[in-house]
Amino acid sequence: MGDKLYLVSYDMQAKEIKKYCFRECGKILIGDVKIVELIFLPCNTNDCPFFEKQIKTLPITFNGIEYKNVYIRKLKELKNME
């Protein structure tokens, strides 16, 4: 069983994920999780400097590992010029 898993909505925050998760941090996990027809990218970084808020959601299994502590995160929004 895994410890914690954080999910970020690619549908809602693609620009932020590309900048923060892929370019600046690089710790995003490969794969995706679908919840209610939205695609979420997983991460297991507890101390993300880019997250604004998070809410706990239901447990999931990702890559064969069951995670009981799962959170949906909202990243800080990018300004239009970034």
N, C-alpha and C. Protein backbone atom coordinates (compact mmCIF):
# COMPACT_ATOMS: atom_id res chain seq x y z
N MET A 1 0.84 -1.19 0.00
CA MET A 1 0.00 0.00 0.00
C MET A 1 0.88 1.24 0.00
N GLY A 2 0.53 2.22 -0.82
CA GLY A 2 1.28 3.47 -0.89
C GLY A 2 0.88 4.43 0.21
N ASP A 3 1.68 5.44 0.40
CA ASP A 3 1.40 6.42 1.45
C ASP A 3 0.38 7.44 0.96
N LYS A 4 0.84 8.42 0.20
CA LYS A 4 -0.05 9.47 -0.30
C LYS A 4 0.12 9.60 -1.80
N LEU A 5 -0.96 10.01 -2.45
CA LEU A 5 -0.91 10.30 -3.87
C LEU A 5 -1.69 11.58 -4.10
N TYR A 6 -1.11 12.46 -4.90
CA TYR A 6 -1.74 13.74 -5.22
C TYR A 6 -2.09 13.73 -6.70
N LEU A 7 -3.27 14.23 -7.04
CA LEU A 7 -3.74 14.26 -8.42
C LEU A 7 -3.97 15.70 -8.84
N VAL A 8 -3.54 16.02 -10.06
CA VAL A 8 -3.74 17.36 -10.61
C VAL A 8 -4.49 17.21 -11.92
N SER A 9 -5.55 17.97 -12.10
CA SER A 9 -6.38 17.87 -13.30
C SER A 9 -5.68 18.44 -14.53
N TYR A 10 -5.37 17.55 -15.46
CA TYR A 10 -4.76 17.99 -16.72
C TYR A 10 -5.76 18.79 -17.55
N ASP A 11 -7.01 18.41 -17.50
CA ASP A 11 -8.05 19.12 -18.26
C ASP A 11 -8.18 20.58 -17.81
N MET A 12 -8.02 20.83 -16.53
CA MET A 12 -8.22 22.17 -16.00
C MET A 12 -6.94 22.98 -15.84
N GLN A 13 -5.78 22.30 -15.71
CA GLN A 13 -4.55 23.01 -15.42
C GLN A 13 -3.37 22.54 -16.27
N ALA A 14 -3.59 22.31 -17.54
CA ALA A 14 -2.53 21.82 -18.43
C ALA A 14 -1.33 22.76 -18.47
N LYS A 15 -1.57 24.08 -18.56
CA LYS A 15 -0.46 25.05 -18.61
C LYS A 15 0.38 25.00 -17.34
N GLU A 16 -0.30 24.94 -16.21
CA GLU A 16 0.41 24.90 -14.93
C GLU A 16 1.21 23.60 -14.78
N ILE A 17 0.63 22.49 -15.20
CA ILE A 17 1.32 21.19 -15.11
C ILE A 17 2.57 21.20 -15.99
N LYS A 18 2.44 21.71 -17.21
CA LYS A 18 3.59 21.75 -18.12
C LYS A 18 4.72 22.59 -17.53
N LYS A 19 4.37 23.75 -16.95
CA LYS A 19 5.40 24.64 -16.40
C LYS A 19 5.94 24.12 -15.07
N TYR A 20 5.06 23.91 -14.11
CA TYR A 20 5.50 23.54 -12.77
C TYR A 20 5.98 22.09 -12.66
N CYS A 21 5.16 21.16 -13.11
CA CYS A 21 5.42 19.73 -12.86
C CYS A 21 6.47 19.14 -13.80
N PHE A 22 6.45 19.55 -15.07
CA PHE A 22 7.41 18.99 -16.01
C PHE A 22 8.70 19.81 -16.10
N ARG A 23 8.58 21.13 -16.16
CA ARG A 23 9.79 21.96 -16.35
C ARG A 23 10.52 22.28 -15.05
N GLU A 24 9.78 22.72 -14.04
CA GLU A 24 10.44 23.22 -12.84
C GLU A 24 10.69 22.14 -11.79
N CYS A 25 9.76 21.25 -11.58
CA CYS A 25 9.90 20.24 -10.54
C CYS A 25 10.42 18.91 -11.10
N GLY A 26 9.73 18.37 -12.10
CA GLY A 26 10.15 17.13 -12.72
C GLY A 26 9.80 15.86 -11.98
N LYS A 27 8.98 15.95 -10.93
CA LYS A 27 8.66 14.77 -10.14
C LYS A 27 7.29 14.17 -10.43
N ILE A 28 6.61 14.67 -11.44
CA ILE A 28 5.29 14.13 -11.80
C ILE A 28 5.47 12.67 -12.22
N LEU A 29 4.50 11.84 -11.88
CA LEU A 29 4.57 10.42 -12.23
C LEU A 29 4.01 10.19 -13.62
N ILE A 30 4.52 9.20 -14.31
CA ILE A 30 4.04 8.87 -15.65
C ILE A 30 2.78 8.02 -15.52
N GLY A 31 1.75 8.40 -16.24
CA GLY A 31 0.47 7.70 -16.20
C GLY A 31 -0.63 8.71 -15.92
N ASP A 32 -1.85 8.23 -15.95
CA ASP A 32 -2.95 9.12 -15.63
C ASP A 32 -4.04 8.36 -14.91
N VAL A 33 -4.92 9.12 -14.27
CA VAL A 33 -6.05 8.59 -13.53
C VAL A 33 -7.28 9.32 -14.06
N LYS A 34 -8.31 8.57 -14.42
CA LYS A 34 -9.54 9.19 -14.92
C LYS A 34 -10.59 9.16 -13.81
N ILE A 35 -11.14 10.34 -13.52
CA ILE A 35 -12.22 10.47 -12.54
C ILE A 35 -13.29 11.32 -13.18
N VAL A 36 -14.49 10.79 -13.29
CA VAL A 36 -15.63 11.50 -13.86
C VAL A 36 -15.26 12.16 -15.18
N GLU A 37 -14.64 11.40 -16.05
CA GLU A 37 -14.26 11.84 -17.40
C GLU A 37 -13.19 12.93 -17.44
N LEU A 38 -12.58 13.25 -16.32
CA LEU A 38 -11.46 14.19 -16.30
C LEU A 38 -10.16 13.40 -16.14
N ILE A 39 -9.10 13.88 -16.76
CA ILE A 39 -7.80 13.22 -16.66
C ILE A 39 -6.96 13.94 -15.61
N PHE A 40 -6.44 13.16 -14.67
CA PHE A 40 -5.58 13.68 -13.61
C PHE A 40 -4.21 13.05 -13.73
N LEU A 41 -3.17 13.85 -13.51
CA LEU A 41 -1.81 13.33 -13.47
C LEU A 41 -1.41 13.17 -12.01
N PRO A 42 -0.79 12.04 -11.67
CA PRO A 42 -0.43 11.77 -10.29
C PRO A 42 0.96 12.28 -9.92
N CYS A 43 1.12 12.55 -8.64
CA CYS A 43 2.39 12.98 -8.08
C CYS A 43 2.44 12.48 -6.65
N ASN A 44 3.63 12.19 -6.14
CA ASN A 44 3.72 11.78 -4.73
C ASN A 44 4.61 12.72 -3.92
N THR A 45 4.76 13.95 -4.39
CA THR A 45 5.56 14.95 -3.69
C THR A 45 4.71 15.65 -2.62
N ASN A 46 5.08 15.44 -1.36
CA ASN A 46 4.32 16.03 -0.26
C ASN A 46 4.47 17.54 -0.18
N ASP A 47 5.66 18.04 -0.43
CA ASP A 47 5.94 19.46 -0.21
C ASP A 47 6.02 20.25 -1.52
N CYS A 48 4.99 20.18 -2.32
CA CYS A 48 4.95 20.88 -3.60
C CYS A 48 4.89 22.40 -3.36
N PRO A 49 5.85 23.15 -3.89
CA PRO A 49 5.83 24.60 -3.70
C PRO A 49 4.82 25.32 -4.59
N PHE A 50 4.20 24.59 -5.51
CA PHE A 50 3.29 25.21 -6.48
C PHE A 50 1.81 24.99 -6.18
N PHE A 51 1.49 24.18 -5.16
CA PHE A 51 0.07 23.93 -4.94
C PHE A 51 -0.57 25.02 -4.11
N GLU A 52 -1.83 25.30 -4.48
CA GLU A 52 -2.58 26.35 -3.81
C GLU A 52 -3.49 25.77 -2.73
N LYS A 53 -4.19 24.69 -3.07
CA LYS A 53 -5.05 24.02 -2.09
C LYS A 53 -5.29 22.59 -2.55
N GLN A 54 -5.82 21.79 -1.64
CA GLN A 54 -6.09 20.40 -1.97
C GLN A 54 -7.26 19.89 -1.15
N ILE A 55 -7.93 18.87 -1.69
CA ILE A 55 -9.01 18.21 -0.97
C ILE A 55 -8.79 16.70 -1.03
N LYS A 56 -9.21 16.03 0.03
CA LYS A 56 -9.06 14.58 0.08
C LYS A 56 -10.18 13.94 -0.73
N THR A 57 -9.84 12.86 -1.43
CA THR A 57 -10.82 12.15 -2.24
C THR A 57 -10.77 10.66 -1.89
N LEU A 58 -11.47 9.86 -2.63
CA LEU A 58 -11.55 8.43 -2.35
C LEU A 58 -10.25 7.71 -2.67
N PRO A 59 -9.98 6.59 -1.99
CA PRO A 59 -8.79 5.78 -2.30
C PRO A 59 -8.82 5.28 -3.74
N ILE A 60 -7.63 5.09 -4.32
CA ILE A 60 -7.53 4.56 -5.68
C ILE A 60 -6.35 3.59 -5.76
N THR A 61 -6.32 2.83 -6.84
CA THR A 61 -5.17 2.00 -7.16
C THR A 61 -4.51 2.58 -8.39
N PHE A 62 -3.21 2.84 -8.29
CA PHE A 62 -2.44 3.39 -9.41
C PHE A 62 -1.20 2.55 -9.58
N ASN A 63 -0.97 2.07 -10.80
CA ASN A 63 0.17 1.21 -11.11
C ASN A 63 0.27 0.02 -10.16
N GLY A 64 -0.88 -0.55 -9.80
CA GLY A 64 -0.91 -1.73 -8.95
C GLY A 64 -0.73 -1.45 -7.47
N ILE A 65 -0.63 -0.19 -7.09
CA ILE A 65 -0.46 0.17 -5.67
C ILE A 65 -1.74 0.84 -5.18
N GLU A 66 -2.24 0.37 -4.03
CA GLU A 66 -3.45 0.96 -3.46
C GLU A 66 -3.06 2.15 -2.58
N TYR A 67 -3.64 3.30 -2.88
CA TYR A 67 -3.41 4.52 -2.10
C TYR A 67 -4.68 4.87 -1.36
N LYS A 68 -4.57 4.96 -0.04
CA LYS A 68 -5.74 5.33 0.77
C LYS A 68 -5.83 6.83 1.00
N ASN A 69 -4.69 7.50 1.01
CA ASN A 69 -4.65 8.95 1.21
C ASN A 69 -4.42 9.62 -0.14
N VAL A 70 -5.53 9.99 -0.78
CA VAL A 70 -5.47 10.57 -2.13
C VAL A 70 -6.06 11.98 -2.06
N TYR A 71 -5.35 12.92 -2.67
CA TYR A 71 -5.77 14.32 -2.65
C TYR A 71 -5.79 14.87 -4.07
N ILE A 72 -6.80 15.68 -4.36
CA ILE A 72 -6.84 16.42 -5.61
C ILE A 72 -6.27 17.80 -5.30
N ARG A 73 -5.26 18.17 -6.07
CA ARG A 73 -4.58 19.45 -5.85
C ARG A 73 -4.93 20.46 -6.92
N LYS A 74 -5.00 21.71 -6.50
CA LYS A 74 -5.11 22.83 -7.43
C LYS A 74 -3.78 23.56 -7.34
N LEU A 75 -3.13 23.71 -8.48
CA LEU A 75 -1.86 24.43 -8.53
C LEU A 75 -2.11 25.92 -8.64
N LYS A 76 -1.12 26.70 -8.27
CA LYS A 76 -1.21 28.15 -8.41
C LYS A 76 -1.40 28.48 -9.89
N GLU A 77 -2.33 29.38 -10.17
CA GLU A 77 -2.61 29.72 -11.57
C GLU A 77 -1.49 30.58 -12.16
N LEU A 78 -1.22 30.34 -13.43
CA LEU A 78 -0.24 31.15 -14.16
C LEU A 78 -0.88 32.44 -14.61
N LYS A 79 -0.10 33.47 -14.67
CA LYS A 79 -0.58 34.74 -15.23
C LYS A 79 -0.65 34.56 -16.75
N ASN A 80 -1.42 35.36 -17.42
CA ASN A 80 -1.58 35.26 -18.88
C ASN A 80 -0.26 35.39 -19.63
N MET A 81 0.70 36.13 -19.08
CA MET A 81 1.94 36.38 -19.80
C MET A 81 2.97 35.26 -19.61
N GLU A 82 2.77 34.33 -18.68
CA GLU A 82 3.77 33.27 -18.44
C GLU A 82 3.66 32.17 -19.45
